[in-house]
């Protein structure tokens, strides 16, 4: 569930980044014209303030790229290795940790409990 949300977030961020790069300079001019309420805006002062605000757009783009890279790193660390999926293995969990999830009458196993403990079907924790 969380990985689906994170993947959707990555897709949206990537689409925004690619869309921003494909349009080039004109979107920066439009954003500069809209500007803050007391900024004056308009086309007359566009030449003098272009360098500072263009740098602001570039720094925002860098921030978005860094955020996207962080999300991608988190997704890579949460991936289950292919061989674990293929052979039906589940990771080990600690005692007291949630080991199963209930959906209606069904119980899905999240992880294997360590030796000497078992997954309690009422509490859904390793006891």
C-alpha atoms as a PDB file:
ATOM      1  CA  UNK A   1       0.000   0.000   0.000  1.00  0.00           C
ATOM      2  CA  UNK A   2       2.750   2.440   0.988  1.00  0.00           C
ATOM      3  CA  UNK A   3       4.878   1.386  -1.953  1.00  0.00           C
ATOM      4  CA  UNK A   4       1.973   2.103  -4.325  1.00  0.00           C
ATOM      5  CA  UNK A   5       1.607   5.582  -2.871  1.00  0.00           C
ATOM      6  CA  UNK A   6       5.344   6.193  -3.064  1.00  0.00           C
ATOM      7  CA  UNK A   7       5.430   4.942  -6.649  1.00  0.00           C
ATOM      8  CA  UNK A   8       2.542   7.245  -7.561  1.00  0.00           C
ATOM      9  CA  UNK A   9       4.355  10.145  -5.890  1.00  0.00           C
ATOM     10  CA  UNK A  10       7.500   9.359  -7.888  1.00  0.00           C
ATOM     11  CA  UNK A  11       5.527   9.210 -11.118  1.00  0.00           C
ATOM     12  CA  UNK A  12       3.901  12.580 -10.452  1.00  0.00           C
ATOM     13  CA  UNK A  13       7.226  14.175  -9.490  1.00  0.00           C
ATOM     14  CA  UNK A  14       8.918  12.747 -12.585  1.00  0.00           C
ATOM     15  CA  UNK A  15       6.101  14.005 -14.810  1.00  0.00           C
ATOM     16  CA  UNK A  16       6.399  17.469 -13.283  1.00  0.00           C
ATOM     17  CA  UNK A  17      10.173  17.509 -13.717  1.00  0.00           C
ATOM     18  CA  UNK A  18      10.029  16.294 -17.296  1.00  0.00           C
ATOM     19  CA  UNK A  19       7.261  18.743 -18.112  1.00  0.00           C
ATOM     20  CA  UNK A  20       9.253  21.625 -16.622  1.00  0.00           C
ATOM     21  CA  UNK A  21      12.367  20.716 -18.596  1.00  0.00           C
ATOM     22  CA  UNK A  22      10.477  20.297 -21.879  1.00  0.00           C
ATOM     23  CA  UNK A  23       9.001  23.809 -21.760  1.00  0.00           C
ATOM     24  CA  UNK A  24      12.285  25.646 -21.236  1.00  0.00           C
ATOM     25  CA  UNK A  25      12.365  29.387 -20.516  1.00  0.00           C
ATOM     26  CA  UNK A  26       8.757  30.619 -21.152  1.00  0.00           C
ATOM     27  CA  UNK A  27       7.255  29.108 -17.949  1.00  0.00           C
ATOM     28  CA  UNK A  28       9.852  30.975 -15.871  1.00  0.00           C
ATOM     29  CA  UNK A  29       8.786  34.273 -17.455  1.00  0.00           C
ATOM     30  CA  UNK A  30       5.124  33.552 -16.744  1.00  0.00           C
ATOM     31  CA  UNK A  31       5.883  32.681 -13.123  1.00  0.00           C
ATOM     32  CA  UNK A  32       7.926  35.875 -12.826  1.00  0.00           C
ATOM     33  CA  UNK A  33       5.032  37.926 -14.230  1.00  0.00           C
ATOM     34  CA  UNK A  34       2.604  36.418 -11.712  1.00  0.00           C
ATOM     35  CA  UNK A  35       5.086  36.827  -8.837  1.00  0.00           C
ATOM     36  CA  UNK A  36       4.213  37.867  -5.277  1.00  0.00           C
ATOM     37  CA  UNK A  37       1.356  40.372  -4.774  1.00  0.00           C
ATOM     38  CA  UNK A  38       3.653  43.318  -3.964  1.00  0.00           C
ATOM     39  CA  UNK A  39       6.319  42.445  -6.523  1.00  0.00           C
ATOM     40  CA  UNK A  40       5.053  44.700  -9.311  1.00  0.00           C
ATOM     41  CA  UNK A  41       5.083  41.951 -11.955  1.00  0.00           C
ATOM     42  CA  UNK A  42       4.474  43.201 -15.502  1.00  0.00           C
ATOM     43  CA  UNK A  43       6.735  42.966 -18.511  1.00  0.00           C
ATOM     44  CA  UNK A  44       8.686  46.231 -18.026  1.00  0.00           C
ATOM     45  CA  UNK A  45      10.875  45.057 -15.158  1.00  0.00           C
ATOM     46  CA  UNK A  46      11.459  41.587 -16.567  1.00  0.00           C
ATOM     47  CA  UNK A  47      15.019  42.188 -17.776  1.00  0.00           C
ATOM     48  CA  UNK A  48      16.498  43.332 -14.478  1.00  0.00           C
ATOM     49  CA  UNK A  49      15.016  40.676 -12.201  1.00  0.00           C
ATOM     50  CA  UNK A  50      15.432  37.741 -14.568  1.00  0.00           C
ATOM     51  CA  UNK A  51      18.741  36.474 -13.199  1.00  0.00           C
ATOM     52  CA  UNK A  52      17.668  36.257  -9.573  1.00  0.00           C
ATOM     53  CA  UNK A  53      14.302  34.629 -10.188  1.00  0.00           C
ATOM     54  CA  UNK A  54      15.656  32.290 -12.854  1.00  0.00           C
ATOM     55  CA  UNK A  55      18.106  31.050 -10.224  1.00  0.00           C
ATOM     56  CA  UNK A  56      15.167  30.567  -7.848  1.00  0.00           C
ATOM     57  CA  UNK A  57      13.460  28.359 -10.426  1.00  0.00           C
ATOM     58  CA  UNK A  58      16.661  26.376 -10.892  1.00  0.00           C
ATOM     59  CA  UNK A  59      17.055  25.933  -7.132  1.00  0.00           C
ATOM     60  CA  UNK A  60      13.432  24.770  -6.897  1.00  0.00           C
ATOM     61  CA  UNK A  61      14.096  22.291  -9.681  1.00  0.00           C
ATOM     62  CA  UNK A  62      17.188  21.030  -7.832  1.00  0.00           C
ATOM     63  CA  UNK A  63      15.129  20.630  -4.653  1.00  0.00           C
ATOM     64  CA  UNK A  64      12.520  18.611  -6.553  1.00  0.00           C
ATOM     65  CA  UNK A  65      15.208  16.411  -8.086  1.00  0.00           C
ATOM     66  CA  UNK A  66      16.769  15.789  -4.656  1.00  0.00           C
ATOM     67  CA  UNK A  67      13.361  14.937  -3.167  1.00  0.00           C
ATOM     68  CA  UNK A  68      12.666  12.547  -6.035  1.00  0.00           C
ATOM     69  CA  UNK A  69      16.038  10.861  -5.530  1.00  0.00           C
ATOM     70  CA  UNK A  70      15.301  10.417  -1.808  1.00  0.00           C
ATOM     71  CA  UNK A  71      11.962   8.786  -2.604  1.00  0.00           C
ATOM     72  CA  UNK A  72      13.595   6.493  -5.152  1.00  0.00           C
ATOM     73  CA  UNK A  73      16.258   5.448  -2.625  1.00  0.00           C
ATOM     74  CA  UNK A  74      13.538   4.624  -0.092  1.00  0.00           C
ATOM     75  CA  UNK A  75      11.717   2.556  -2.710  1.00  0.00           C
ATOM     76  CA  UNK A  76      14.894   0.652  -3.556  1.00  0.00           C
ATOM     77  CA  UNK A  77      15.471  -0.180   0.110  1.00  0.00           C
ATOM     78  CA  UNK A  78      11.876  -1.436   0.539  1.00  0.00           C
ATOM     79  CA  UNK A  79      11.935  -3.779  -2.452  1.00  0.00           C
ATOM     80  CA  UNK A  80      11.726  -7.475  -1.728  1.00  0.00           C
ATOM     81  CA  UNK A  81      14.375  -9.502  -3.583  1.00  0.00           C
ATOM     82  CA  UNK A  82      13.060 -11.448  -6.571  1.00  0.00           C
ATOM     83  CA  UNK A  83      14.037 -14.853  -5.171  1.00  0.00           C
ATOM     84  CA  UNK A  84      11.997 -14.188  -2.019  1.00  0.00           C
ATOM     85  CA  UNK A  85       8.911 -13.460  -4.106  1.00  0.00           C
ATOM     86  CA  UNK A  86       9.498 -16.428  -6.373  1.00  0.00           C
ATOM     87  CA  UNK A  87       9.840 -19.051  -3.653  1.00  0.00           C
ATOM     88  CA  UNK A  88       7.158 -17.631  -1.376  1.00  0.00           C
ATOM     89  CA  UNK A  89       9.582 -16.693   1.380  1.00  0.00           C
ATOM     90  CA  UNK A  90       8.729 -13.891   3.750  1.00  0.00           C
ATOM     91  CA  UNK A  91      11.192 -11.856   5.841  1.00  0.00           C
ATOM     92  CA  UNK A  92      11.821 -12.539   9.524  1.00  0.00           C
ATOM     93  CA  UNK A  93      10.247 -10.268  12.113  1.00  0.00           C
ATOM     94  CA  UNK A  94      11.079  -9.637  15.768  1.00  0.00           C
ATOM     95  CA  UNK A  95       9.151 -10.889  18.785  1.00  0.00           C
ATOM     96  CA  UNK A  96       6.232  -8.576  19.529  1.00  0.00           C
ATOM     97  CA  UNK A  97       6.164  -7.228  15.979  1.00  0.00           C
ATOM     98  CA  UNK A  98       3.065  -7.438  13.773  1.00  0.00           C
ATOM     99  CA  UNK A  99       3.369 -10.642  11.738  1.00  0.00           C
ATOM    100  CA  UNK A 100       0.016 -10.784   9.936  1.00  0.00           C
ATOM    101  CA  UNK A 101      -2.804  -8.635   8.650  1.00  0.00           C
ATOM    102  CA  UNK A 102      -6.520  -9.430   8.627  1.00  0.00           C
ATOM    103  CA  UNK A 103      -8.859  -8.614   5.743  1.00  0.00           C
ATOM    104  CA  UNK A 104     -12.307  -9.899   6.583  1.00  0.00           C
ATOM    105  CA  UNK A 105     -12.104 -13.628   7.257  1.00  0.00           C
ATOM    106  CA  UNK A 106      -8.649 -13.939   5.684  1.00  0.00           C
ATOM    107  CA  UNK A 107      -5.313 -13.524   7.419  1.00  0.00           C
ATOM    108  CA  UNK A 108      -2.249 -12.607   5.366  1.00  0.00           C
ATOM    109  CA  UNK A 109       1.234 -13.370   6.610  1.00  0.00           C
ATOM    110  CA  UNK A 110       3.628 -10.399   6.669  1.00  0.00           C
ATOM    111  CA  UNK A 111       6.707 -12.099   8.118  1.00  0.00           C
ATOM    112  CA  UNK A 112       7.961 -15.227   9.878  1.00  0.00           C
ATOM    113  CA  UNK A 113       8.260 -15.181  13.647  1.00  0.00           C
ATOM    114  CA  UNK A 114      11.621 -16.128  15.208  1.00  0.00           C
ATOM    115  CA  UNK A 115      12.185 -19.506  16.884  1.00  0.00           C
ATOM    116  CA  UNK A 116      10.310 -19.967  20.120  1.00  0.00           C
ATOM    117  CA  UNK A 117       7.519 -17.589  19.072  1.00  0.00           C
ATOM    118  CA  UNK A 118       4.423 -17.950  16.903  1.00  0.00           C
ATOM    119  CA  UNK A 119       2.059 -15.598  15.126  1.00  0.00           C
ATOM    120  CA  UNK A 120      -1.013 -15.148  17.318  1.00  0.00           C
ATOM    121  CA  UNK A 121      -4.078 -15.089  15.057  1.00  0.00           C
ATOM    122  CA  UNK A 122      -6.024 -12.816  17.433  1.00  0.00           C
ATOM    123  CA  UNK A 123      -3.375 -10.181  18.167  1.00  0.00           C
ATOM    124  CA  UNK A 124      -1.578 -10.711  14.827  1.00  0.00           C
ATOM    125  CA  UNK A 125       1.772 -10.397  16.621  1.00  0.00           C
ATOM    126  CA  UNK A 126       4.679 -12.730  17.311  1.00  0.00           C
ATOM    127  CA  UNK A 127       4.292 -14.075  20.855  1.00  0.00           C
END
